[in-house]
């Protein structure tokens, strides 16, 4: 679904009125103090966006409109900020080195740690993890195991400014698998666990490494940190 932003109160009110109805007439949707031509303009806008359709003299939410209201605050008809969902790759070589990246862009410029990436809409988690493995390191065919799920919240002045849900995938690779992948946004390489634990490591990576090394079976953890931005 393409992100749609409604920027006028009349458009939002049309959606709001149709929330609990299977269909309404034009006269039931138009506020009494609004001119018909003006209201028709805004009705045309939500129809053009594919949110509303007219059928049998009634205006209804389309399938896209129903997807839309499933993602907004029902009182304000505005999108809520949602947690970022990522897959995090913990690939370990037989010699004990881990697949790491050094970030070349903000936020977290020059930070180092496990490769990760956003899960695309409609993607299975394993497909997202395998795609990231190929994109970040040009590695394919490694058997990945979903080891755990971690919620990372970052706070500034008592307010959450970043929230990440990370699905942690673990895989083991042979020593001969060398990689140095220099991308404009990151540099991928094999590094020591000490890098994950030092001051330049991504916040939360140290704790995830501890969970990987010390947890039996599937793990879940909720972590909070002071935000760096």
C-alpha atoms as a PDB file:
ATOM      1  CA  UNK A   1       0.000   0.000   0.000  1.00  0.00           C
ATOM      2  CA  UNK A   2       1.359   3.403  -0.985  1.00  0.00           C
ATOM      3  CA  UNK A   3       1.516   5.888   1.889  1.00  0.00           C
ATOM      4  CA  UNK A   4      -1.331   8.403   1.618  1.00  0.00           C
ATOM      5  CA  UNK A   5      -1.426  11.611   3.631  1.00  0.00           C
ATOM      6  CA  UNK A   6      -4.718  13.432   4.016  1.00  0.00           C
ATOM      7  CA  UNK A   7      -4.052  17.083   4.779  1.00  0.00           C
ATOM      8  CA  UNK A   8      -7.568  18.543   5.027  1.00  0.00           C
ATOM      9  CA  UNK A   9     -10.127  18.153   7.797  1.00  0.00           C
ATOM     10  CA  UNK A  10     -12.991  17.562   5.346  1.00  0.00           C
ATOM     11  CA  UNK A  11     -11.153  14.642   3.749  1.00  0.00           C
ATOM     12  CA  UNK A  12     -10.367  13.182   7.157  1.00  0.00           C
ATOM     13  CA  UNK A  13     -13.986  13.642   8.231  1.00  0.00           C
ATOM     14  CA  UNK A  14     -15.245  11.684   5.206  1.00  0.00           C
ATOM     15  CA  UNK A  15     -13.046   8.776   6.229  1.00  0.00           C
ATOM     16  CA  UNK A  16     -14.063   9.134   9.875  1.00  0.00           C
ATOM     17  CA  UNK A  17     -17.799   9.026   9.044  1.00  0.00           C
ATOM     18  CA  UNK A  18     -17.364   5.903   6.927  1.00  0.00           C
ATOM     19  CA  UNK A  19     -15.462   4.045   9.641  1.00  0.00           C
ATOM     20  CA  UNK A  20     -18.535   2.403  11.156  1.00  0.00           C
ATOM     21  CA  UNK A  21     -20.800   2.405   8.112  1.00  0.00           C
ATOM     22  CA  UNK A  22     -21.232   0.157   5.099  1.00  0.00           C
ATOM     23  CA  UNK A  23     -22.190   3.185   3.044  1.00  0.00           C
ATOM     24  CA  UNK A  24     -23.542   6.748   3.325  1.00  0.00           C
ATOM     25  CA  UNK A  25     -25.296   9.130   0.981  1.00  0.00           C
ATOM     26  CA  UNK A  26     -23.673  12.361  -0.155  1.00  0.00           C
ATOM     27  CA  UNK A  27     -26.107  14.345   2.022  1.00  0.00           C
ATOM     28  CA  UNK A  28     -25.136  12.277   5.063  1.00  0.00           C
ATOM     29  CA  UNK A  29     -21.444  12.990   4.521  1.00  0.00           C
ATOM     30  CA  UNK A  30     -21.544  16.703   3.672  1.00  0.00           C
ATOM     31  CA  UNK A  31     -21.538  19.099   6.631  1.00  0.00           C
ATOM     32  CA  UNK A  32     -24.490  21.490   6.458  1.00  0.00           C
ATOM     33  CA  UNK A  33     -22.326  24.624   6.577  1.00  0.00           C
ATOM     34  CA  UNK A  34     -20.052  23.592   3.658  1.00  0.00           C
ATOM     35  CA  UNK A  35     -20.824  24.500   0.043  1.00  0.00           C
ATOM     36  CA  UNK A  36     -21.487  21.539  -2.229  1.00  0.00           C
ATOM     37  CA  UNK A  37     -18.781  22.495  -4.747  1.00  0.00           C
ATOM     38  CA  UNK A  38     -16.137  22.701  -2.033  1.00  0.00           C
ATOM     39  CA  UNK A  39     -17.199  19.405  -0.537  1.00  0.00           C
ATOM     40  CA  UNK A  40     -17.255  17.739  -3.960  1.00  0.00           C
ATOM     41  CA  UNK A  41     -13.632  18.811  -4.456  1.00  0.00           C
ATOM     42  CA  UNK A  42     -12.545  17.034  -1.280  1.00  0.00           C
ATOM     43  CA  UNK A  43     -14.726  14.012  -2.027  1.00  0.00           C
ATOM     44  CA  UNK A  44     -13.034  13.851  -5.429  1.00  0.00           C
ATOM     45  CA  UNK A  45      -9.675  13.913  -3.680  1.00  0.00           C
ATOM     46  CA  UNK A  46     -10.342  10.856  -1.485  1.00  0.00           C
ATOM     47  CA  UNK A  47     -11.874   9.041  -4.475  1.00  0.00           C
ATOM     48  CA  UNK A  48      -8.813   9.814  -6.620  1.00  0.00           C
ATOM     49  CA  UNK A  49      -6.580   8.448  -3.882  1.00  0.00           C
ATOM     50  CA  UNK A  50      -8.576   5.225  -4.032  1.00  0.00           C
ATOM     51  CA  UNK A  51      -9.849   5.429  -0.463  1.00  0.00           C
ATOM     52  CA  UNK A  52     -13.547   5.911  -1.236  1.00  0.00           C
ATOM     53  CA  UNK A  53     -15.859   4.706  -4.019  1.00  0.00           C
ATOM     54  CA  UNK A  54     -19.458   5.406  -4.968  1.00  0.00           C
ATOM     55  CA  UNK A  55     -21.670   2.389  -5.574  1.00  0.00           C
ATOM     56  CA  UNK A  56     -25.466   2.214  -5.718  1.00  0.00           C
ATOM     57  CA  UNK A  57     -25.759   5.882  -4.665  1.00  0.00           C
ATOM     58  CA  UNK A  58     -23.687   5.216  -1.529  1.00  0.00           C
ATOM     59  CA  UNK A  59     -20.118   6.185  -0.722  1.00  0.00           C
ATOM     60  CA  UNK A  60     -18.036   3.408   0.831  1.00  0.00           C
ATOM     61  CA  UNK A  61     -14.468   2.727   1.879  1.00  0.00           C
ATOM     62  CA  UNK A  62     -12.591   0.756  -0.762  1.00  0.00           C
ATOM     63  CA  UNK A  63     -10.244  -2.117   0.055  1.00  0.00           C
ATOM     64  CA  UNK A  64      -7.433   0.458   0.037  1.00  0.00           C
ATOM     65  CA  UNK A  65      -9.513   2.686   2.310  1.00  0.00           C
ATOM     66  CA  UNK A  66      -9.919  -0.176   4.772  1.00  0.00           C
ATOM     67  CA  UNK A  67      -6.161  -0.773   4.730  1.00  0.00           C
ATOM     68  CA  UNK A  68      -5.716   2.927   5.373  1.00  0.00           C
ATOM     69  CA  UNK A  69      -7.981   3.102   8.449  1.00  0.00           C
ATOM     70  CA  UNK A  70      -6.291  -0.028   9.809  1.00  0.00           C
ATOM     71  CA  UNK A  71      -3.078   2.007  10.080  1.00  0.00           C
ATOM     72  CA  UNK A  72      -4.272   5.356  11.426  1.00  0.00           C
ATOM     73  CA  UNK A  73      -5.424   6.809  14.710  1.00  0.00           C
ATOM     74  CA  UNK A  74      -9.189   6.470  14.473  1.00  0.00           C
ATOM     75  CA  UNK A  75      -9.839   9.810  16.188  1.00  0.00           C
ATOM     76  CA  UNK A  76      -7.383  11.958  14.219  1.00  0.00           C
ATOM     77  CA  UNK A  77      -7.201   9.881  10.993  1.00  0.00           C
ATOM     78  CA  UNK A  78      -3.444  10.383  11.051  1.00  0.00           C
ATOM     79  CA  UNK A  79      -0.766   7.724  10.773  1.00  0.00           C
ATOM     80  CA  UNK A  80       0.769   6.579  14.017  1.00  0.00           C
ATOM     81  CA  UNK A  81       4.538   6.266  14.131  1.00  0.00           C
ATOM     82  CA  UNK A  82       5.201   2.527  14.215  1.00  0.00           C
ATOM     83  CA  UNK A  83       8.267   0.629  15.447  1.00  0.00           C
ATOM     84  CA  UNK A  84      10.858  -0.123  12.785  1.00  0.00           C
ATOM     85  CA  UNK A  85      10.972  -3.876  12.108  1.00  0.00           C
ATOM     86  CA  UNK A  86      14.359  -5.265  11.097  1.00  0.00           C
ATOM     87  CA  UNK A  87      16.205  -8.521  10.634  1.00  0.00           C
ATOM     88  CA  UNK A  88      19.603  -8.578  12.334  1.00  0.00           C
ATOM     89  CA  UNK A  89      22.304 -10.932  11.014  1.00  0.00           C
ATOM     90  CA  UNK A  90      24.653 -12.678  13.430  1.00  0.00           C
ATOM     91  CA  UNK A  91      26.966 -14.652  11.142  1.00  0.00           C
ATOM     92  CA  UNK A  92      29.918 -16.313  12.871  1.00  0.00           C
ATOM     93  CA  UNK A  93      32.998 -17.819  11.228  1.00  0.00           C
ATOM     94  CA  UNK A  94      34.619 -20.958  12.572  1.00  0.00           C
ATOM     95  CA  UNK A  95      37.542 -18.827  13.819  1.00  0.00           C
ATOM     96  CA  UNK A  96      35.193 -16.843  16.065  1.00  0.00           C
ATOM     97  CA  UNK A  97      34.978 -13.690  13.958  1.00  0.00           C
ATOM     98  CA  UNK A  98      31.591 -12.077  13.289  1.00  0.00           C
ATOM     99  CA  UNK A  99      30.205 -10.420  10.182  1.00  0.00           C
ATOM    100  CA  UNK A 100      30.201  -6.688  10.967  1.00  0.00           C
ATOM    101  CA  UNK A 101      29.469  -3.420   9.231  1.00  0.00           C
ATOM    102  CA  UNK A 102      30.797   0.081   9.736  1.00  0.00           C
ATOM    103  CA  UNK A 103      28.123   2.619   8.922  1.00  0.00           C
ATOM    104  CA  UNK A 104      28.933   5.547   6.594  1.00  0.00           C
ATOM    105  CA  UNK A 105      25.790   7.641   7.085  1.00  0.00           C
ATOM    106  CA  UNK A 106      23.618   9.257   9.732  1.00  0.00           C
ATOM    107  CA  UNK A 107      22.253   8.358  12.135  1.00  0.00           C
ATOM    108  CA  UNK A 108      25.034   6.412  13.864  1.00  0.00           C
ATOM    109  CA  UNK A 109      27.779   7.539  11.473  1.00  0.00           C
ATOM    110  CA  UNK A 110      30.932   5.376  11.948  1.00  0.00           C
ATOM    111  CA  UNK A 111      29.166   3.005  14.348  1.00  0.00           C
ATOM    112  CA  UNK A 112      29.995  -0.701  14.028  1.00  0.00           C
ATOM    113  CA  UNK A 113      28.070  -3.866  14.669  1.00  0.00           C
ATOM    114  CA  UNK A 114      25.852  -6.573  13.253  1.00  0.00           C
ATOM    115  CA  UNK A 115      24.374  -5.970   9.786  1.00  0.00           C
ATOM    116  CA  UNK A 116      20.644  -5.346   9.755  1.00  0.00           C
ATOM    117  CA  UNK A 117      17.917  -4.029   7.516  1.00  0.00           C
ATOM    118  CA  UNK A 118      14.230  -3.189   7.410  1.00  0.00           C
ATOM    119  CA  UNK A 119      11.704  -5.920   6.664  1.00  0.00           C
ATOM    120  CA  UNK A 120       9.854  -4.995   3.485  1.00  0.00           C
ATOM    121  CA  UNK A 121       6.069  -5.064   3.425  1.00  0.00           C
ATOM    122  CA  UNK A 122       4.775  -8.580   2.553  1.00  0.00           C
ATOM    123  CA  UNK A 123       8.222 -10.192   3.081  1.00  0.00           C
ATOM    124  CA  UNK A 124       8.662 -13.329   5.136  1.00  0.00           C
ATOM    125  CA  UNK A 125      11.235 -12.863   7.887  1.00  0.00           C
ATOM    126  CA  UNK A 126      13.596 -15.504   6.500  1.00  0.00           C
ATOM    127  CA  UNK A 127      13.383 -13.919   3.041  1.00  0.00           C
ATOM    128  CA  UNK A 128      14.226 -10.514   4.524  1.00  0.00           C
ATOM    129  CA  UNK A 129      17.214 -11.976   6.393  1.00  0.00           C
ATOM    130  CA  UNK A 130      18.530 -13.772   3.307  1.00  0.00           C
ATOM    131  CA  UNK A 131      18.091 -10.626   1.205  1.00  0.00           C
ATOM    132  CA  UNK A 132      20.055  -8.578   3.748  1.00  0.00           C
ATOM    133  CA  UNK A 133      22.787 -11.217   3.795  1.00  0.00           C
ATOM    134  CA  UNK A 134      23.123 -10.953   0.037  1.00  0.00           C
ATOM    135  CA  UNK A 135      22.898  -7.149  -0.048  1.00  0.00           C
ATOM    136  CA  UNK A 136      25.217  -6.455   2.875  1.00  0.00           C
ATOM    137  CA  UNK A 137      27.876  -9.102   2.185  1.00  0.00           C
ATOM    138  CA  UNK A 138      27.104 -10.852  -1.117  1.00  0.00           C
ATOM    139  CA  UNK A 139      26.672 -14.103   0.808  1.00  0.00           C
ATOM    140  CA  UNK A 140      24.125 -16.735  -0.205  1.00  0.00           C
ATOM    141  CA  UNK A 141      23.274 -20.250   0.869  1.00  0.00           C
ATOM    142  CA  UNK A 142      24.088 -19.970   4.581  1.00  0.00           C
ATOM    143  CA  UNK A 143      21.521 -21.725   6.752  1.00  0.00           C
ATOM    144  CA  UNK A 144      19.973 -19.148   9.068  1.00  0.00           C
ATOM    145  CA  UNK A 145      18.235 -19.838  12.362  1.00  0.00           C
ATOM    146  CA  UNK A 146      15.852 -17.386  14.023  1.00  0.00           C
ATOM    147  CA  UNK A 147      17.361 -17.198  17.502  1.00  0.00           C
ATOM    148  CA  UNK A 148      15.368 -14.421  19.110  1.00  0.00           C
ATOM    149  CA  UNK A 149      13.417 -11.194  19.075  1.00  0.00           C
ATOM    150  CA  UNK A 150      14.585  -7.994  20.773  1.00  0.00           C
ATOM    151  CA  UNK A 151      12.702  -4.745  21.349  1.00  0.00           C
ATOM    152  CA  UNK A 152      15.017  -1.724  21.442  1.00  0.00           C
ATOM    153  CA  UNK A 153      13.702   1.601  22.705  1.00  0.00           C
ATOM    154  CA  UNK A 154      15.784   4.797  22.615  1.00  0.00           C
ATOM    155  CA  UNK A 155      14.796   7.711  24.845  1.00  0.00           C
ATOM    156  CA  UNK A 156      15.582  11.417  24.956  1.00  0.00           C
ATOM    157  CA  UNK A 157      14.276  13.633  27.771  1.00  0.00           C
ATOM    158  CA  UNK A 158      11.968  10.820  28.832  1.00  0.00           C
ATOM    159  CA  UNK A 159      10.410  10.435  25.377  1.00  0.00           C
ATOM    160  CA  UNK A 160      10.858   7.484  23.040  1.00  0.00           C
ATOM    161  CA  UNK A 161      12.454   8.822  19.839  1.00  0.00           C
ATOM    162  CA  UNK A 162      13.291   5.506  18.194  1.00  0.00           C
ATOM    163  CA  UNK A 163      11.778   2.053  18.581  1.00  0.00           C
ATOM    164  CA  UNK A 164      13.147  -1.031  16.808  1.00  0.00           C
ATOM    165  CA  UNK A 165      11.885  -4.619  16.769  1.00  0.00           C
ATOM    166  CA  UNK A 166      14.795  -6.848  15.752  1.00  0.00           C
ATOM    167  CA  UNK A 167      14.482 -10.470  14.641  1.00  0.00           C
ATOM    168  CA  UNK A 168      17.901 -12.006  15.221  1.00  0.00           C
ATOM    169  CA  UNK A 169      19.082 -14.623  12.719  1.00  0.00           C
ATOM    170  CA  UNK A 170      22.183 -16.698  13.448  1.00  0.00           C
ATOM    171  CA  UNK A 171      24.352 -18.602  10.986  1.00  0.00           C
ATOM    172  CA  UNK A 172      27.751 -20.317  10.955  1.00  0.00           C
ATOM    173  CA  UNK A 173      30.201 -20.099   8.046  1.00  0.00           C
ATOM    174  CA  UNK A 174      33.644 -21.607   7.313  1.00  0.00           C
ATOM    175  CA  UNK A 175      36.882 -19.693   7.794  1.00  0.00           C
ATOM    176  CA  UNK A 176      37.610 -19.526   4.072  1.00  0.00           C
ATOM    177  CA  UNK A 177      34.588 -17.327   3.474  1.00  0.00           C
ATOM    178  CA  UNK A 178      36.307 -13.961   3.141  1.00  0.00           C
ATOM    179  CA  UNK A 179      34.432 -10.703   2.690  1.00  0.00           C
ATOM    180  CA  UNK A 180      35.280  -7.058   2.405  1.00  0.00           C
ATOM    181  CA  UNK A 181      32.320  -5.312   0.866  1.00  0.00           C
ATOM    182  CA  UNK A 182      32.776  -1.559   0.446  1.00  0.00           C
ATOM    183  CA  UNK A 183      29.427   0.143  -0.212  1.00  0.00           C
ATOM    184  CA  UNK A 184      28.687   3.865  -0.282  1.00  0.00           C
ATOM    185  CA  UNK A 185      26.549   3.486   2.864  1.00  0.00           C
ATOM    186  CA  UNK A 186      28.551   0.871   4.807  1.00  0.00           C
ATOM    187  CA  UNK A 187      31.684  -1.288   4.897  1.00  0.00           C
ATOM    188  CA  UNK A 188      31.230  -4.999   5.619  1.00  0.00           C
ATOM    189  CA  UNK A 189      34.016  -7.130   7.081  1.00  0.00           C
ATOM    190  CA  UNK A 190      34.859  -9.931   9.539  1.00  0.00           C
ATOM    191  CA  UNK A 191      35.696  -8.612  13.000  1.00  0.00           C
ATOM    192  CA  UNK A 192      36.190  -9.592  16.612  1.00  0.00           C
ATOM    193  CA  UNK A 193      33.483  -9.687  19.263  1.00  0.00           C
ATOM    194  CA  UNK A 194      35.354  -6.907  21.078  1.00  0.00           C
ATOM    195  CA  UNK A 195      34.243  -4.494  18.341  1.00  0.00           C
ATOM    196  CA  UNK A 196      30.603  -5.169  19.189  1.00  0.00           C
ATOM    197  CA  UNK A 197      31.271  -4.446  22.834  1.00  0.00           C
ATOM    198  CA  UNK A 198      33.286  -1.228  22.532  1.00  0.00           C
ATOM    199  CA  UNK A 199      32.057   2.372  22.575  1.00  0.00           C
ATOM    200  CA  UNK A 200      31.654   2.500  18.791  1.00  0.00           C
ATOM    201  CA  UNK A 201      29.319  -0.492  18.666  1.00  0.00           C
ATOM    202  CA  UNK A 202      25.615  -0.089  17.918  1.00  0.00           C
ATOM    203  CA  UNK A 203      23.664   0.210  21.164  1.00  0.00           C
ATOM    204  CA  UNK A 204      21.989  -3.083  21.917  1.00  0.00           C
ATOM    205  CA  UNK A 205      24.468  -5.195  19.950  1.00  0.00           C
ATOM    206  CA  UNK A 206      26.481  -6.071  23.047  1.00  0.00           C
ATOM    207  CA  UNK A 207      23.339  -7.309  24.787  1.00  0.00           C
ATOM    208  CA  UNK A 208      22.261  -9.264  21.702  1.00  0.00           C
ATOM    209  CA  UNK A 209      25.703 -10.915  21.555  1.00  0.00           C
ATOM    210  CA  UNK A 210      25.343 -11.931  25.222  1.00  0.00           C
ATOM    211  CA  UNK A 211      21.916 -13.424  24.470  1.00  0.00           C
ATOM    212  CA  UNK A 212      23.306 -15.354  21.515  1.00  0.00           C
ATOM    213  CA  UNK A 213      26.173 -16.758  23.558  1.00  0.00           C
ATOM    214  CA  UNK A 214      24.304 -17.515  26.777  1.00  0.00           C
ATOM    215  CA  UNK A 215      20.678 -18.288  25.905  1.00  0.00           C
ATOM    216  CA  UNK A 216      19.398 -21.754  25.162  1.00  0.00           C
ATOM    217  CA  UNK A 217      16.653 -21.859  22.601  1.00  0.00           C
ATOM    218  CA  UNK A 218      14.653 -18.841  21.464  1.00  0.00           C
ATOM    219  CA  UNK A 219      15.205 -15.615  23.431  1.00  0.00           C
ATOM    220  CA  UNK A 220      13.213 -12.416  23.871  1.00  0.00           C
ATOM    221  CA  UNK A 221      14.394  -9.212  25.513  1.00  0.00           C
ATOM    222  CA  UNK A 222      13.255  -5.600  25.889  1.00  0.00           C
ATOM    223  CA  UNK A 223      16.068  -3.070  26.138  1.00  0.00           C
ATOM    224  CA  UNK A 224      16.191   0.704  26.676  1.00  0.00           C
ATOM    225  CA  UNK A 225      18.998   3.162  25.987  1.00  0.00           C
ATOM    226  CA  UNK A 226      19.635   6.875  25.950  1.00  0.00           C
ATOM    227  CA  UNK A 227      19.273   8.114  22.379  1.00  0.00           C
ATOM    228  CA  UNK A 228      22.303   9.389  20.464  1.00  0.00           C
ATOM    229  CA  UNK A 229      20.171  11.893  18.560  1.00  0.00           C
END
